[in-house]
Amino acid sequence: MAANAGVEPLDPVKLLLAIFLPPVGVAMEVGLGMHFWINIVLTLFGFIPGIVHAVYVIFSR
C-alpha cells in the first residue's frame, strides 16, 4: 500500500487556504456548489466552523 494513497499534490495548498480563507479552499475542491455556500455561511457565523467544514470537505473526497 502506498504511503500517500488518496493524497493529491495540491492538498497542502488547499489545507492552508482552508485555514486562512475557508471558502477558497472549498471552492478549489468542489467548485461553487452547495458546500461552498454552506462554508460561506459557516465562516460568517464563526470563523472556526468555516475552517472545520473546509477541512472536512477537502479531506473527505
PDB file of N, CA and C in Angstrom:
ATOM      1  N   MET A   1       0.847  -1.175   0.000  1.00  0.00           N
ATOM      2  CA  MET A   1       0.000   0.000   0.000  1.00  0.00           C
ATOM      3  C   MET A   1       0.891   1.237   0.000  1.00  0.00           C
ATOM      4  N   ALA A   2       0.551   2.201  -0.819  1.00  0.00           N
ATOM      5  CA  ALA A   2       1.343   3.426  -0.909  1.00  0.00           C
ATOM      6  C   ALA A   2       1.126   4.281   0.329  1.00  0.00           C
ATOM      7  N   ALA A   3       2.188   4.970   0.727  1.00  0.00           N
ATOM      8  CA  ALA A   3       2.118   5.805   1.927  1.00  0.00           C
ATOM      9  C   ALA A   3       1.221   7.015   1.727  1.00  0.00           C
ATOM     10  N   ASN A   4       1.114   7.502   0.487  1.00  0.00           N
ATOM     11  CA  ASN A   4       0.321   8.707   0.242  1.00  0.00           C
ATOM     12  C   ASN A   4      -0.927   8.398  -0.577  1.00  0.00           C
ATOM     13  N   ALA A   5      -1.526   7.245  -0.359  1.00  0.00           N
ATOM     14  CA  ALA A   5      -2.726   6.861  -1.093  1.00  0.00           C
ATOM     15  C   ALA A   5      -3.847   7.862  -0.833  1.00  0.00           C
ATOM     16  N   GLY A   6      -4.396   8.411  -1.904  1.00  0.00           N
ATOM     17  CA  GLY A   6      -5.501   9.343  -1.789  1.00  0.00           C
ATOM     18  C   GLY A   6      -5.104  10.782  -1.530  1.00  0.00           C
ATOM     19  N   VAL A   7      -3.825  11.067  -1.437  1.00  0.00           N
ATOM     20  CA  VAL A   7      -3.369  12.434  -1.200  1.00  0.00           C
ATOM     21  C   VAL A   7      -2.948  13.039  -2.530  1.00  0.00           C
ATOM     22  N   GLU A   8      -3.510  14.188  -2.840  1.00  0.00           N
ATOM     23  CA  GLU A   8      -3.183  14.879  -4.082  1.00  0.00           C
ATOM     24  C   GLU A   8      -2.072  15.889  -3.833  1.00  0.00           C
ATOM     25  N   PRO A   9      -1.333  16.259  -4.873  1.00  0.00           N
ATOM     26  CA  PRO A   9      -0.239  17.229  -4.701  1.00  0.00           C
ATOM     27  C   PRO A   9      -0.695  18.597  -4.183  1.00  0.00           C
ATOM     28  N   LEU A  10      -1.923  19.009  -4.495  1.00  0.00           N
ATOM     29  CA  LEU A  10      -2.404  20.322  -4.058  1.00  0.00           C
ATOM     30  C   LEU A  10      -3.050  20.305  -2.673  1.00  0.00           C
ATOM     31  N   ASP A  11      -3.132  19.160  -2.025  1.00  0.00           N
ATOM     32  CA  ASP A  11      -3.770  19.094  -0.706  1.00  0.00           C
ATOM     33  C   ASP A  11      -3.133  20.020   0.332  1.00  0.00           C
ATOM     34  N   PRO A  12      -1.809  20.149   0.407  1.00  0.00           N
ATOM     35  CA  PRO A  12      -1.242  21.102   1.377  1.00  0.00           C
ATOM     36  C   PRO A  12      -1.654  22.550   1.095  1.00  0.00           C
ATOM     37  N   VAL A  13      -1.750  22.911  -0.176  1.00  0.00           N
ATOM     38  CA  VAL A  13      -2.182  24.269  -0.537  1.00  0.00           C
ATOM     39  C   VAL A  13      -3.637  24.467  -0.134  1.00  0.00           C
ATOM     40  N   LYS A  14      -4.465  23.477  -0.422  1.00  0.00           N
ATOM     41  CA  LYS A  14      -5.878  23.562  -0.044  1.00  0.00           C
ATOM     42  C   LYS A  14      -6.041  23.652   1.471  1.00  0.00           C
ATOM     43  N   LEU A  15      -5.206  22.928   2.213  1.00  0.00           N
ATOM     44  CA  LEU A  15      -5.274  22.980   3.672  1.00  0.00           C
ATOM     45  C   LEU A  15      -4.922  24.373   4.182  1.00  0.00           C
ATOM     46  N   LEU A  16      -3.881  24.980   3.640  1.00  0.00           N
ATOM     47  CA  LEU A  16      -3.524  26.347   4.043  1.00  0.00           C
ATOM     48  C   LEU A  16      -4.644  27.322   3.708  1.00  0.00           C
ATOM     49  N   LEU A  17      -5.231  27.183   2.530  1.00  0.00           N
ATOM     50  CA  LEU A  17      -6.354  28.047   2.174  1.00  0.00           C
ATOM     51  C   LEU A  17      -7.548  27.796   3.086  1.00  0.00           C
ATOM     52  N   ALA A  18      -7.763  26.540   3.474  1.00  0.00           N
ATOM     53  CA  ALA A  18      -8.876  26.220   4.371  1.00  0.00           C
ATOM     54  C   ALA A  18      -8.697  26.882   5.726  1.00  0.00           C
ATOM     55  N   ILE A  19      -7.454  27.074   6.142  1.00  0.00           N
ATOM     56  CA  ILE A  19      -7.200  27.703   7.438  1.00  0.00           C
ATOM     57  C   ILE A  19      -7.349  29.218   7.358  1.00  0.00           C
ATOM     58  N   PHE A  20      -6.823  29.826   6.300  1.00  0.00           N
ATOM     59  CA  PHE A  20      -6.824  31.287   6.215  1.00  0.00           C
ATOM     60  C   PHE A  20      -8.036  31.849   5.470  1.00  0.00           C
ATOM     61  N   LEU A  21      -8.508  31.168   4.438  1.00  0.00           N
ATOM     62  CA  LEU A  21      -9.682  31.586   3.660  1.00  0.00           C
ATOM     63  C   LEU A  21     -10.525  30.346   3.348  1.00  0.00           C
ATOM     64  N   PRO A  22     -11.306  29.881   4.313  1.00  0.00           N
ATOM     65  CA  PRO A  22     -12.018  28.609   4.145  1.00  0.00           C
ATOM     66  C   PRO A  22     -12.843  28.480   2.858  1.00  0.00           C
ATOM     67  N   PRO A  23     -13.610  29.493   2.443  1.00  0.00           N
ATOM     68  CA  PRO A  23     -14.397  29.310   1.216  1.00  0.00           C
ATOM     69  C   PRO A  23     -13.543  29.091  -0.038  1.00  0.00           C
ATOM     70  N   VAL A  24     -12.349  29.664  -0.071  1.00  0.00           N
ATOM     71  CA  VAL A  24     -11.479  29.478  -1.239  1.00  0.00           C
ATOM     72  C   VAL A  24     -10.994  28.032  -1.312  1.00  0.00           C
ATOM     73  N   GLY A  25     -10.628  27.464  -0.177  1.00  0.00           N
ATOM     74  CA  GLY A  25     -10.212  26.063  -0.154  1.00  0.00           C
ATOM     75  C   GLY A  25     -11.326  25.130  -0.600  1.00  0.00           C
ATOM     76  N   VAL A  26     -12.546  25.411  -0.166  1.00  0.00           N
ATOM     77  CA  VAL A  26     -13.695  24.592  -0.565  1.00  0.00           C
ATOM     78  C   VAL A  26     -13.972  24.772  -2.055  1.00  0.00           C
ATOM     79  N   ALA A  27     -13.891  25.997  -2.548  1.00  0.00           N
ATOM     80  CA  ALA A  27     -14.130  26.249  -3.973  1.00  0.00           C
ATOM     81  C   ALA A  27     -13.108  25.526  -4.840  1.00  0.00           C
ATOM     82  N   MET A  28     -11.858  25.462  -4.391  1.00  0.00           N
ATOM     83  CA  MET A  28     -10.844  24.731  -5.155  1.00  0.00           C
ATOM     84  C   MET A  28     -11.145  23.240  -5.198  1.00  0.00           C
ATOM     85  N   GLU A  29     -11.762  22.733  -4.161  1.00  0.00           N
ATOM     86  CA  GLU A  29     -12.030  21.291  -4.085  1.00  0.00           C
ATOM     87  C   GLU A  29     -13.308  20.901  -4.815  1.00  0.00           C
ATOM     88  N   VAL A  30     -14.401  21.638  -4.595  1.00  0.00           N
ATOM     89  CA  VAL A  30     -15.704  21.207  -5.120  1.00  0.00           C
ATOM     90  C   VAL A  30     -16.375  22.229  -6.026  1.00  0.00           C
ATOM     91  N   GLY A  31     -15.768  23.370  -6.244  1.00  0.00           N
ATOM     92  CA  GLY A  31     -16.394  24.384  -7.083  1.00  0.00           C
ATOM     93  C   GLY A  31     -17.369  25.240  -6.286  1.00  0.00           C
ATOM     94  N   LEU A  32     -18.222  25.945  -7.011  1.00  0.00           N
ATOM     95  CA  LEU A  32     -19.145  26.885  -6.370  1.00  0.00           C
ATOM     96  C   LEU A  32     -20.514  26.253  -6.116  1.00  0.00           C
ATOM     97  N   GLY A  33     -20.515  25.044  -5.644  1.00  0.00           N
ATOM     98  CA  GLY A  33     -21.760  24.323  -5.368  1.00  0.00           C
ATOM     99  C   GLY A  33     -22.257  24.544  -3.954  1.00  0.00           C
ATOM    100  N   MET A  34     -23.040  23.589  -3.495  1.00  0.00           N
ATOM    101  CA  MET A  34     -23.693  23.686  -2.196  1.00  0.00           C
ATOM    102  C   MET A  34     -22.693  23.810  -1.044  1.00  0.00           C
ATOM    103  N   HIS A  35     -21.619  23.018  -1.073  1.00  0.00           N
ATOM    104  CA  HIS A  35     -20.648  23.064   0.023  1.00  0.00           C
ATOM    105  C   HIS A  35     -19.968  24.430   0.116  1.00  0.00           C
ATOM    106  N   PHE A  36     -19.751  25.076  -1.012  1.00  0.00           N
ATOM    107  CA  PHE A  36     -19.155  26.413  -0.997  1.00  0.00           C
ATOM    108  C   PHE A  36     -20.056  27.386  -0.248  1.00  0.00           C
ATOM    109  N   TRP A  37     -21.349  27.367  -0.559  1.00  0.00           N
ATOM    110  CA  TRP A  37     -22.270  28.310   0.071  1.00  0.00           C
ATOM    111  C   TRP A  37     -22.488  27.985   1.548  1.00  0.00           C
ATOM    112  N   ILE A  38     -22.505  26.709   1.883  1.00  0.00           N
ATOM    113  CA  ILE A  38     -22.582  26.326   3.298  1.00  0.00           C
ATOM    114  C   ILE A  38     -21.364  26.862   4.034  1.00  0.00           C
ATOM    115  N   ASN A  39     -20.200  26.760   3.397  1.00  0.00           N
ATOM    116  CA  ASN A  39     -18.980  27.236   4.034  1.00  0.00           C
ATOM    117  C   ASN A  39     -18.982  28.754   4.191  1.00  0.00           C
ATOM    118  N   ILE A  40     -19.519  29.477   3.231  1.00  0.00           N
ATOM    119  CA  ILE A  40     -19.644  30.938   3.356  1.00  0.00           C
ATOM    120  C   ILE A  40     -20.467  31.278   4.598  1.00  0.00           C
ATOM    121  N   VAL A  41     -21.614  30.616   4.758  1.00  0.00           N
ATOM    122  CA  VAL A  41     -22.493  30.887   5.906  1.00  0.00           C
ATOM    123  C   VAL A  41     -21.790  30.529   7.210  1.00  0.00           C
ATOM    124  N   LEU A  42     -21.144  29.361   7.260  1.00  0.00           N
ATOM    125  CA  LEU A  42     -20.445  28.959   8.483  1.00  0.00           C
ATOM    126  C   LEU A  42     -19.311  29.918   8.818  1.00  0.00           C
ATOM    127  N   THR A  43     -18.599  30.389   7.810  1.00  0.00           N
ATOM    128  CA  THR A  43     -17.500  31.323   8.048  1.00  0.00           C
ATOM    129  C   THR A  43     -18.028  32.660   8.553  1.00  0.00           C
ATOM    130  N   LEU A  44     -19.171  33.090   8.054  1.00  0.00           N
ATOM    131  CA  LEU A  44     -19.753  34.352   8.527  1.00  0.00           C
ATOM    132  C   LEU A  44     -20.265  34.231   9.961  1.00  0.00           C
ATOM    133  N   PHE A  45     -20.806  33.066  10.322  1.00  0.00           N
ATOM    134  CA  PHE A  45     -21.296  32.865  11.687  1.00  0.00           C
ATOM    135  C   PHE A  45     -20.168  32.685  12.690  1.00  0.00           C
ATOM    136  N   GLY A  46     -19.074  32.151  12.234  1.00  0.00           N
ATOM    137  CA  GLY A  46     -17.918  31.943  13.098  1.00  0.00           C
ATOM    138  C   GLY A  46     -16.790  31.377  12.272  1.00  0.00           C
ATOM    139  N   PHE A  47     -15.630  31.934  12.416  1.00  0.00           N
ATOM    140  CA  PHE A  47     -14.515  31.543  11.560  1.00  0.00           C
ATOM    141  C   PHE A  47     -14.121  30.081  11.773  1.00  0.00           C
ATOM    142  N   ILE A  48     -14.153  29.608  13.018  1.00  0.00           N
ATOM    143  CA  ILE A  48     -13.749  28.234  13.329  1.00  0.00           C
ATOM    144  C   ILE A  48     -14.674  27.205  12.664  1.00  0.00           C
ATOM    145  N   PRO A  49     -16.003  27.360  12.710  1.00  0.00           N
ATOM    146  CA  PRO A  49     -16.851  26.399  11.993  1.00  0.00           C
ATOM    147  C   PRO A  49     -16.561  26.359  10.490  1.00  0.00           C
ATOM    148  N   GLY A  50     -16.229  27.497   9.911  1.00  0.00           N
ATOM    149  CA  GLY A  50     -15.868  27.529   8.496  1.00  0.00           C
ATOM    150  C   GLY A  50     -14.604  26.746   8.216  1.00  0.00           C
ATOM    151  N   ILE A  51     -13.625  26.861   9.111  1.00  0.00           N
ATOM    152  CA  ILE A  51     -12.369  26.116   8.952  1.00  0.00           C
ATOM    153  C   ILE A  51     -12.625  24.616   9.084  1.00  0.00           C
ATOM    154  N   VAL A  52     -13.386  24.226  10.093  1.00  0.00           N
ATOM    155  CA  VAL A  52     -13.669  22.802  10.313  1.00  0.00           C
ATOM    156  C   VAL A  52     -14.394  22.215   9.100  1.00  0.00           C
ATOM    157  N   HIS A  53     -15.382  22.924   8.593  1.00  0.00           N
ATOM    158  CA  HIS A  53     -16.124  22.441   7.430  1.00  0.00           C
ATOM    159  C   HIS A  53     -15.217  22.352   6.207  1.00  0.00           C
ATOM    160  N   ALA A  54     -14.363  23.335   6.004  1.00  0.00           N
ATOM    161  CA  ALA A  54     -13.461  23.325   4.849  1.00  0.00           C
ATOM    162  C   ALA A  54     -12.506  22.138   4.907  1.00  0.00           C
ATOM    163  N   VAL A  55     -11.926  21.885   6.067  1.00  0.00           N
ATOM    164  CA  VAL A  55     -11.008  20.748   6.208  1.00  0.00           C
ATOM    165  C   VAL A  55     -11.766  19.444   5.985  1.00  0.00           C
ATOM    166  N   TYR A  56     -12.981  19.356   6.506  1.00  0.00           N
ATOM    167  CA  TYR A  56     -13.796  18.154   6.295  1.00  0.00           C
ATOM    168  C   TYR A  56     -14.070  17.924   4.807  1.00  0.00           C
ATOM    169  N   VAL A  57     -14.473  18.969   4.103  1.00  0.00           N
ATOM    170  CA  VAL A  57     -14.790  18.833   2.677  1.00  0.00           C
ATOM    171  C   VAL A  57     -13.551  18.441   1.884  1.00  0.00           C
ATOM    172  N   ILE A  58     -12.425  19.062   2.182  1.00  0.00           N
ATOM    173  CA  ILE A  58     -11.206  18.796   1.418  1.00  0.00           C
ATOM    174  C   ILE A  58     -10.725  17.367   1.625  1.00  0.00           C
ATOM    175  N   PHE A  59     -10.740  16.882   2.846  1.00  0.00           N
ATOM    176  CA  PHE A  59     -10.172  15.567   3.112  1.00  0.00           C
ATOM    177  C   PHE A  59     -11.190  14.432   3.110  1.00  0.00           C
ATOM    178  N   SER A  60     -12.463  14.721   2.885  1.00  0.00           N
ATOM    179  CA  SER A  60     -13.446  13.646   2.780  1.00  0.00           C
ATOM    180  C   SER A  60     -13.631  13.198   1.334  1.00  0.00           C
ATOM    181  N   ARG A  61     -12.999  13.840   0.415  1.00  0.00           N
ATOM    182  CA  ARG A  61     -13.122  13.485  -1.011  1.00  0.00           C
ATOM    183  C   ARG A  61     -12.027  12.563  -1.423  1.00  0.00           C
TER     184      ARG A  61
END
